[in-house]
């Protein structure tokens, strides 16, 4: 199957609201086997596991996508995977690993402020609520129509001793 056909089938599967999580996983498993690159298949299968609440299986697939070179095969998916994988790690109780992954996440148009939002969630899970709130505020500050200086100052004050 061509790359374009594969991409269309993956998109259609994600858009299909008539199937349950287990059906999506099984169909994605078949599509992953036909992926134009192993990294793409592992990423999409990881996403299906993740979406279906099978975080341990998602973790395995995300690690496989990384090992197969997703960052060089599809930088947009690689950027999204950082968010998804870190969220999975947080759900698995590996909060420090999630925080480290999200702190290292480069800015990318495919994710926007998502890495910082998920970092705030991970920090909150780690019991670092003031830092979490600061990160969340700093993530949305650029979108405000005004009050930038005040919001930045208030956010910074949350973690000052």
C-alpha atoms as a PDB file:
ATOM      1  CA  UNK A   1       0.000   0.000   0.000  1.00  0.00           C
ATOM      2  CA  UNK A   2       1.240   3.494  -0.768  1.00  0.00           C
ATOM      3  CA  UNK A   3       2.238   5.892   1.982  1.00  0.00           C
ATOM      4  CA  UNK A   4      -0.683   8.156   1.105  1.00  0.00           C
ATOM      5  CA  UNK A   5      -3.135   5.260   1.283  1.00  0.00           C
ATOM      6  CA  UNK A   6      -1.700   4.167   4.622  1.00  0.00           C
ATOM      7  CA  UNK A   7      -1.961   7.703   6.022  1.00  0.00           C
ATOM      8  CA  UNK A   8      -5.581   7.926   4.836  1.00  0.00           C
ATOM      9  CA  UNK A   9      -6.453   4.633   6.477  1.00  0.00           C
ATOM     10  CA  UNK A  10      -4.830   5.680   9.753  1.00  0.00           C
ATOM     11  CA  UNK A  11      -6.709   8.998   9.725  1.00  0.00           C
ATOM     12  CA  UNK A  12      -9.991   7.226   8.949  1.00  0.00           C
ATOM     13  CA  UNK A  13      -9.433   4.792  11.795  1.00  0.00           C
ATOM     14  CA  UNK A  14      -8.845   7.620  14.264  1.00  0.00           C
ATOM     15  CA  UNK A  15     -11.976   9.382  12.986  1.00  0.00           C
ATOM     16  CA  UNK A  16     -14.182   6.278  13.235  1.00  0.00           C
ATOM     17  CA  UNK A  17     -16.485   6.780  16.220  1.00  0.00           C
ATOM     18  CA  UNK A  18     -18.435   3.564  15.567  1.00  0.00           C
ATOM     19  CA  UNK A  19     -15.772   1.263  17.001  1.00  0.00           C
ATOM     20  CA  UNK A  20     -14.602   0.695  20.547  1.00  0.00           C
ATOM     21  CA  UNK A  21     -11.060   0.978  21.872  1.00  0.00           C
ATOM     22  CA  UNK A  22     -10.279  -2.712  21.472  1.00  0.00           C
ATOM     23  CA  UNK A  23     -11.431  -2.725  17.849  1.00  0.00           C
ATOM     24  CA  UNK A  24      -9.321   0.369  17.186  1.00  0.00           C
ATOM     25  CA  UNK A  25      -6.285  -1.351  18.705  1.00  0.00           C
ATOM     26  CA  UNK A  26      -6.773  -4.484  16.602  1.00  0.00           C
ATOM     27  CA  UNK A  27      -7.267  -2.525  13.382  1.00  0.00           C
ATOM     28  CA  UNK A  28      -4.292  -0.309  14.186  1.00  0.00           C
ATOM     29  CA  UNK A  29      -2.194  -3.403  14.816  1.00  0.00           C
ATOM     30  CA  UNK A  30      -2.945  -4.475  11.227  1.00  0.00           C
ATOM     31  CA  UNK A  31      -2.168  -1.011   9.868  1.00  0.00           C
ATOM     32  CA  UNK A  32       1.050  -0.840  11.894  1.00  0.00           C
ATOM     33  CA  UNK A  33       2.209  -4.060  10.250  1.00  0.00           C
ATOM     34  CA  UNK A  34       1.732  -2.388   6.841  1.00  0.00           C
ATOM     35  CA  UNK A  35       3.288   0.957   7.804  1.00  0.00           C
ATOM     36  CA  UNK A  36       5.744   2.503   5.347  1.00  0.00           C
ATOM     37  CA  UNK A  37       8.253   2.677   8.220  1.00  0.00           C
ATOM     38  CA  UNK A  38       8.398   0.754  11.506  1.00  0.00           C
ATOM     39  CA  UNK A  39       8.584   3.990  13.503  1.00  0.00           C
ATOM     40  CA  UNK A  40       5.278   5.184  12.057  1.00  0.00           C
ATOM     41  CA  UNK A  41       3.536   1.919  12.830  1.00  0.00           C
ATOM     42  CA  UNK A  42       4.853   1.826  16.382  1.00  0.00           C
ATOM     43  CA  UNK A  43       3.790   5.420  17.014  1.00  0.00           C
ATOM     44  CA  UNK A  44       0.243   4.886  15.753  1.00  0.00           C
ATOM     45  CA  UNK A  45      -0.131   1.578  17.587  1.00  0.00           C
ATOM     46  CA  UNK A  46       1.184   3.238  20.740  1.00  0.00           C
ATOM     47  CA  UNK A  47      -1.432   5.935  20.326  1.00  0.00           C
ATOM     48  CA  UNK A  48      -4.184   3.338  19.962  1.00  0.00           C
ATOM     49  CA  UNK A  49      -3.035   1.549  23.113  1.00  0.00           C
ATOM     50  CA  UNK A  50      -2.766   4.890  24.902  1.00  0.00           C
ATOM     51  CA  UNK A  51      -6.221   5.987  23.815  1.00  0.00           C
ATOM     52  CA  UNK A  52      -7.620   2.649  24.947  1.00  0.00           C
ATOM     53  CA  UNK A  53      -6.138   2.905  28.432  1.00  0.00           C
ATOM     54  CA  UNK A  54      -3.358   0.346  27.901  1.00  0.00           C
ATOM     55  CA  UNK A  55      -0.499   2.573  29.027  1.00  0.00           C
ATOM     56  CA  UNK A  56       2.089  -0.179  29.540  1.00  0.00           C
ATOM     57  CA  UNK A  57       1.587  -1.385  25.963  1.00  0.00           C
ATOM     58  CA  UNK A  58       1.672   2.205  24.724  1.00  0.00           C
ATOM     59  CA  UNK A  59       4.988   2.762  26.516  1.00  0.00           C
ATOM     60  CA  UNK A  60       6.513  -0.221  24.692  1.00  0.00           C
ATOM     61  CA  UNK A  61       5.327   1.063  21.308  1.00  0.00           C
ATOM     62  CA  UNK A  62       6.457   4.639  21.937  1.00  0.00           C
ATOM     63  CA  UNK A  63       9.903   3.363  22.922  1.00  0.00           C
ATOM     64  CA  UNK A  64       9.972   1.260  19.739  1.00  0.00           C
ATOM     65  CA  UNK A  65       9.029   4.295  17.638  1.00  0.00           C
ATOM     66  CA  UNK A  66      11.853   6.274  19.211  1.00  0.00           C
ATOM     67  CA  UNK A  67      14.339   3.443  18.660  1.00  0.00           C
ATOM     68  CA  UNK A  68      13.220   3.134  15.027  1.00  0.00           C
ATOM     69  CA  UNK A  69      14.018   6.808  14.428  1.00  0.00           C
ATOM     70  CA  UNK A  70      10.628   8.517  14.428  1.00  0.00           C
ATOM     71  CA  UNK A  71      12.295  11.908  14.926  1.00  0.00           C
ATOM     72  CA  UNK A  72      13.975  11.663  11.521  1.00  0.00           C
ATOM     73  CA  UNK A  73      11.115   9.848   9.753  1.00  0.00           C
ATOM     74  CA  UNK A  74       8.294  12.183  10.827  1.00  0.00           C
ATOM     75  CA  UNK A  75       9.222  15.171  13.017  1.00  0.00           C
ATOM     76  CA  UNK A  76       5.565  16.175  13.501  1.00  0.00           C
ATOM     77  CA  UNK A  77       4.659  12.776  14.888  1.00  0.00           C
ATOM     78  CA  UNK A  78       7.842  12.742  16.975  1.00  0.00           C
ATOM     79  CA  UNK A  79       6.840  16.043  18.585  1.00  0.00           C
ATOM     80  CA  UNK A  80       3.368  14.692  19.320  1.00  0.00           C
ATOM     81  CA  UNK A  81       4.847  11.496  20.682  1.00  0.00           C
ATOM     82  CA  UNK A  82       6.795  13.375  23.349  1.00  0.00           C
ATOM     83  CA  UNK A  83       3.503  14.668  24.752  1.00  0.00           C
ATOM     84  CA  UNK A  84       1.732  11.329  24.434  1.00  0.00           C
ATOM     85  CA  UNK A  85       4.612   9.273  25.832  1.00  0.00           C
ATOM     86  CA  UNK A  86       5.169  11.638  28.748  1.00  0.00           C
ATOM     87  CA  UNK A  87       1.464  11.523  29.561  1.00  0.00           C
ATOM     88  CA  UNK A  88       1.646   7.730  29.486  1.00  0.00           C
ATOM     89  CA  UNK A  89       4.659   7.740  31.806  1.00  0.00           C
ATOM     90  CA  UNK A  90       2.773  10.011  34.207  1.00  0.00           C
ATOM     91  CA  UNK A  91      -0.182   7.619  34.182  1.00  0.00           C
ATOM     92  CA  UNK A  92       2.206   4.739  34.878  1.00  0.00           C
ATOM     93  CA  UNK A  93       3.545   6.576  37.938  1.00  0.00           C
ATOM     94  CA  UNK A  94       6.865   7.435  36.304  1.00  0.00           C
ATOM     95  CA  UNK A  95       6.340  11.101  36.998  1.00  0.00           C
ATOM     96  CA  UNK A  96       9.995  12.158  37.137  1.00  0.00           C
ATOM     97  CA  UNK A  97      10.593  10.617  33.704  1.00  0.00           C
ATOM     98  CA  UNK A  98       7.524  12.419  32.353  1.00  0.00           C
ATOM     99  CA  UNK A  99       8.721  15.734  33.765  1.00  0.00           C
ATOM    100  CA  UNK A 100      12.195  15.278  32.286  1.00  0.00           C
ATOM    101  CA  UNK A 101      10.776  14.354  28.878  1.00  0.00           C
ATOM    102  CA  UNK A 102       8.462  17.363  28.810  1.00  0.00           C
ATOM    103  CA  UNK A 103      11.117  19.806  30.043  1.00  0.00           C
ATOM    104  CA  UNK A 104      13.324  18.673  27.149  1.00  0.00           C
ATOM    105  CA  UNK A 105      10.524  18.874  24.560  1.00  0.00           C
ATOM    106  CA  UNK A 106      11.419  21.326  21.814  1.00  0.00           C
ATOM    107  CA  UNK A 107       8.836  23.815  20.622  1.00  0.00           C
ATOM    108  CA  UNK A 108       7.023  22.507  17.564  1.00  0.00           C
ATOM    109  CA  UNK A 109       3.980  23.688  15.608  1.00  0.00           C
ATOM    110  CA  UNK A 110       2.460  20.191  15.833  1.00  0.00           C
ATOM    111  CA  UNK A 111       2.123  20.515  19.604  1.00  0.00           C
ATOM    112  CA  UNK A 112       1.866  24.218  20.388  1.00  0.00           C
ATOM    113  CA  UNK A 113       1.670  24.709  24.151  1.00  0.00           C
ATOM    114  CA  UNK A 114       0.739  21.060  24.803  1.00  0.00           C
ATOM    115  CA  UNK A 115       4.155  20.054  26.235  1.00  0.00           C
ATOM    116  CA  UNK A 116       3.911  22.822  28.832  1.00  0.00           C
ATOM    117  CA  UNK A 117       0.306  21.968  29.690  1.00  0.00           C
ATOM    118  CA  UNK A 118       1.225  18.313  30.191  1.00  0.00           C
ATOM    119  CA  UNK A 119       4.306  19.383  32.152  1.00  0.00           C
ATOM    120  CA  UNK A 120       1.995  21.314  34.472  1.00  0.00           C
ATOM    121  CA  UNK A 121      -0.095  18.169  34.958  1.00  0.00           C
ATOM    122  CA  UNK A 122       3.005  16.094  35.704  1.00  0.00           C
ATOM    123  CA  UNK A 123       4.312  18.675  38.158  1.00  0.00           C
ATOM    124  CA  UNK A 124       0.953  18.680  39.911  1.00  0.00           C
ATOM    125  CA  UNK A 125       1.073  14.876  40.106  1.00  0.00           C
ATOM    126  CA  UNK A 126       4.505  15.229  41.696  1.00  0.00           C
ATOM    127  CA  UNK A 127       3.040  17.457  44.405  1.00  0.00           C
ATOM    128  CA  UNK A 128       4.646  20.572  42.981  1.00  0.00           C
ATOM    129  CA  UNK A 129       1.433  22.566  42.639  1.00  0.00           C
ATOM    130  CA  UNK A 130       2.907  26.080  42.688  1.00  0.00           C
ATOM    131  CA  UNK A 131       5.378  25.177  39.950  1.00  0.00           C
ATOM    132  CA  UNK A 132       2.583  23.455  38.005  1.00  0.00           C
ATOM    133  CA  UNK A 133       0.410  26.553  38.172  1.00  0.00           C
ATOM    134  CA  UNK A 134       3.319  28.731  37.096  1.00  0.00           C
ATOM    135  CA  UNK A 135       4.023  26.523  34.065  1.00  0.00           C
ATOM    136  CA  UNK A 136       0.333  26.497  33.115  1.00  0.00           C
ATOM    137  CA  UNK A 137       0.055  30.271  33.391  1.00  0.00           C
ATOM    138  CA  UNK A 138       3.240  30.775  31.394  1.00  0.00           C
ATOM    139  CA  UNK A 139       1.853  28.439  28.719  1.00  0.00           C
ATOM    140  CA  UNK A 140      -1.256  30.548  28.188  1.00  0.00           C
ATOM    141  CA  UNK A 141       0.285  33.988  28.777  1.00  0.00           C
ATOM    142  CA  UNK A 142       1.315  34.489  25.113  1.00  0.00           C
ATOM    143  CA  UNK A 143      -2.310  34.018  24.031  1.00  0.00           C
ATOM    144  CA  UNK A 144      -3.674  36.799  26.241  1.00  0.00           C
ATOM    145  CA  UNK A 145      -4.687  40.010  24.470  1.00  0.00           C
ATOM    146  CA  UNK A 146      -2.981  42.090  27.199  1.00  0.00           C
ATOM    147  CA  UNK A 147      -1.669  41.947  30.797  1.00  0.00           C
ATOM    148  CA  UNK A 148       1.470  40.078  29.734  1.00  0.00           C
ATOM    149  CA  UNK A 149       3.873  41.798  32.116  1.00  0.00           C
ATOM    150  CA  UNK A 150       1.553  41.408  35.112  1.00  0.00           C
ATOM    151  CA  UNK A 151       0.773  37.771  34.366  1.00  0.00           C
ATOM    152  CA  UNK A 152       4.466  36.926  33.940  1.00  0.00           C
ATOM    153  CA  UNK A 153       5.276  38.625  37.254  1.00  0.00           C
ATOM    154  CA  UNK A 154       2.460  36.865  39.106  1.00  0.00           C
ATOM    155  CA  UNK A 155       3.481  33.523  37.634  1.00  0.00           C
ATOM    156  CA  UNK A 156       7.115  34.044  38.638  1.00  0.00           C
ATOM    157  CA  UNK A 157       6.056  34.981  42.170  1.00  0.00           C
ATOM    158  CA  UNK A 158       4.409  31.575  42.593  1.00  0.00           C
ATOM    159  CA  UNK A 159       7.787  29.860  42.889  1.00  0.00           C
ATOM    160  CA  UNK A 160       9.895  32.583  44.483  1.00  0.00           C
ATOM    161  CA  UNK A 161      11.078  31.884  48.019  1.00  0.00           C
END
